[in-house]
């Protein structure tokens, strides 16, 4: 399986075609990041990604007294 994937990657690289998405073999941690849209707040984002506001704030180093200070265009990491 892995040899087949490596062969596919090499052939893709040689002909200049990038693969769509690397496979997740169960040990690759892919962190989700989102860009805050106008009108969004931490409560809406937390609900959308099934986490708590506090875990979202902690994961992004947002202090409790600044929970309402996110701005459009800001990049937030989503806890897994």
Protein backbone atom coordinates (compact mmCIF):
# COMPACT_ATOMS: atom_id res chain seq x y z
CA UNK A 1 0.00 0.00 0.00
CA UNK A 2 2.70 2.47 0.99
CA UNK A 3 4.89 1.50 -1.99
CA UNK A 4 1.98 2.09 -4.32
CA UNK A 5 1.40 5.53 -2.79
CA UNK A 6 5.10 6.43 -3.03
CA UNK A 7 5.17 5.29 -6.65
CA UNK A 8 2.10 7.46 -7.35
CA UNK A 9 3.75 10.47 -5.69
CA UNK A 10 6.95 10.03 -7.70
CA UNK A 11 5.07 9.68 -10.98
CA UNK A 12 2.91 12.69 -10.12
CA UNK A 13 5.98 14.74 -9.31
CA UNK A 14 7.73 13.69 -12.52
CA UNK A 15 4.82 14.69 -14.74
CA UNK A 16 4.05 17.81 -12.71
CA UNK A 17 0.73 16.82 -11.18
CA UNK A 18 0.36 17.39 -7.47
CA UNK A 19 -1.70 14.83 -5.55
CA UNK A 20 -4.97 16.12 -4.13
CA UNK A 21 -4.44 15.25 -0.49
CA UNK A 22 -1.83 13.24 1.37
CA UNK A 23 -3.19 10.05 2.91
CA UNK A 24 -3.67 9.87 6.65
CA UNK A 25 -2.14 6.59 7.84
CA UNK A 26 -3.45 7.12 11.37
CA UNK A 27 -0.35 8.76 12.77
CA UNK A 28 -0.35 12.10 10.95
CA UNK A 29 -1.92 14.86 13.04
CA UNK A 30 -3.60 17.41 10.82
CA UNK A 31 -4.56 20.55 12.68
CA UNK A 32 -7.65 22.34 11.43
CA UNK A 33 -7.40 26.09 10.99
CA UNK A 34 -10.18 28.45 10.04
CA UNK A 35 -10.36 32.11 9.08
CA UNK A 36 -12.93 34.12 11.06
CA UNK A 37 -15.66 35.53 8.81
CA UNK A 38 -17.45 38.83 9.41
CA UNK A 39 -20.17 38.42 12.04
CA UNK A 40 -18.77 35.20 13.50
CA UNK A 41 -18.00 34.82 17.18
CA UNK A 42 -16.35 32.14 19.33
CA UNK A 43 -19.70 30.65 20.37
CA UNK A 44 -20.77 30.07 16.76
CA UNK A 45 -17.37 28.66 15.79
CA UNK A 46 -17.23 26.36 18.82
CA UNK A 47 -20.72 25.05 18.07
CA UNK A 48 -19.84 24.47 14.41
CA UNK A 49 -16.75 22.41 15.31
CA UNK A 50 -18.31 20.63 18.32
CA UNK A 51 -16.04 22.05 21.01
CA UNK A 52 -16.47 24.46 23.91
CA UNK A 53 -15.79 28.18 23.76
CA UNK A 54 -13.26 27.77 26.56
CA UNK A 55 -11.35 24.97 24.80
CA UNK A 56 -11.28 27.04 21.60
CA UNK A 57 -10.05 30.09 23.51
CA UNK A 58 -7.43 28.10 25.43
CA UNK A 59 -6.16 26.41 22.26
CA UNK A 60 -5.68 29.83 20.64
CA UNK A 61 -4.27 31.57 23.74
CA UNK A 62 -7.23 33.96 23.98
CA UNK A 63 -7.60 35.22 27.57
CA UNK A 64 -11.03 35.01 29.23
CA UNK A 65 -11.40 38.78 29.29
CA UNK A 66 -10.85 38.93 25.48
CA UNK A 67 -13.33 36.27 24.28
CA UNK A 68 -15.27 38.89 22.27
CA UNK A 69 -12.18 40.31 20.62
CA UNK A 70 -11.81 38.06 17.58
CA UNK A 71 -11.83 39.89 14.26
CA UNK A 72 -12.64 38.91 10.66
CA UNK A 73 -9.59 37.52 8.94
CA UNK A 74 -8.11 36.16 12.17
CA UNK A 75 -6.86 32.56 11.90
CA UNK A 76 -8.00 30.20 14.66
CA UNK A 77 -6.80 26.66 15.33
CA UNK A 78 -9.56 24.16 16.08
CA UNK A 79 -8.86 21.65 18.87
CA UNK A 80 -9.28 18.02 17.86
